[in-house]
Amino acid sequence: MTLDTITTPVESFYTTYHVPINILVIILVAILLRLILHVVIDRVVRRIVNGAKKKQDAEDTQALLNSPLAAVRIVQRTRTLGSVLSNVVSAVIITIAVLMVVYEIAPGITGAFSLITAAIGAGLGFGAQNIVKDVLNGLSIVAEDQLGVGDIVDLGPATGVVESVGIRTTQIRDVNGTVWFVRNGEILRVGNMSLGWSRVIIDLAVPYDADVDAVQERMLAVAVELASNPKWQALILEKPQIWGIESISGDAIVIRLVVKTRAGAKDDVARELRARLKSALDAMDVKLPTLNSVILTGFEGAASVKGARPPRTSPNPIANTADPKPPRGRKS
């Protein structure tokens, strides 16, 4: 048996079935290349994340919440970039593979491409402009570190925890567990609640004839006691402050208490502080008035440090006004 007796049938078989063979090879190479690049990206991401954990002596990502902000952002940004790079690699490889398969099926189609390029370009210019906008805006959001995987964000259409950032959409899960897919091109502003620190703002309405000085002193004492508690000490960054009287009406006086907390801990601290304030006021025999108007809310509350705006109406005598906008479906 000579070499020709072996190669001749192989060449004849390839000549007959060269198109499906080439297509199969292209698909296999594309799959293999995609897997290799994804493995490389995943290894780089894991190495950076593990390095940040090791440097801060943390076993998991949640433990990094007690570490400096830079360590947390390194982990979040690395995972976000890894997700985006994986999506980009998949899109590029699939596009190239499809074009190569089309060329194998119809080799002369490349000549036709030159004739229909103008039509395709015009169609893409109108039809795919949103896709291009989504991709470019998504890359800008990641590059500028506006958000990362694990951040609590308010994107306008939805509020929740960022689960993934793709080249076209950002996926977030709200407080009810609903997953929202927000197109990157539709994100006009990003409210990130996980950067650095948050602030609990509690406006407490007391009767007009109450001893304001005594109430303020007691409110501050309760907040300081909470801040010194070992369970809450790690979540509160600075000594609580009384910002004073926010508004006066014929029925009540509104006193503002603020506490600076770690990012993501604001709601837990606010709930515990409200419960303690309620118990403290009961011990002082201070009856909270039933009001038709109280509490500065949202950005008005934040801007009213210098009395910039009048209070909004609300039936609650104790309220947390730190949230500019509560998540969808969340009871405030």
Foldseek 3Di string as FASTA:
>chain_A
DDPCVVVVVVVVVCVVVVLVVVLVVLVVVLVVVLVVVLVVLVVVLVVQLVVLCVVQVHDDLVVCLLPDLVSNLSNFLSQQVSQAVSQVSNVVSVVVSVVVSVCSVPVCVVVVCVVCVVVVVVCCVPPVPLVVLLQVLLVVCSVVSLDGQQWFKDQPVFTAGFHHRYSFWTWGAHPVRDIDTHGSNPRPDMGTLQHFKFKWKKKAKFFPPDDVVVLQVLLLVLQQVQCPPPVCVSFFDDRKDWLAWLDDDNGTTITMIMTMTHRPCRVVSNVVSVVSSVVSCVVVVTDGDQDQADDAAAVRVVVCSVDPDDGDGDRDNIDTRRDNDHGPPDDD
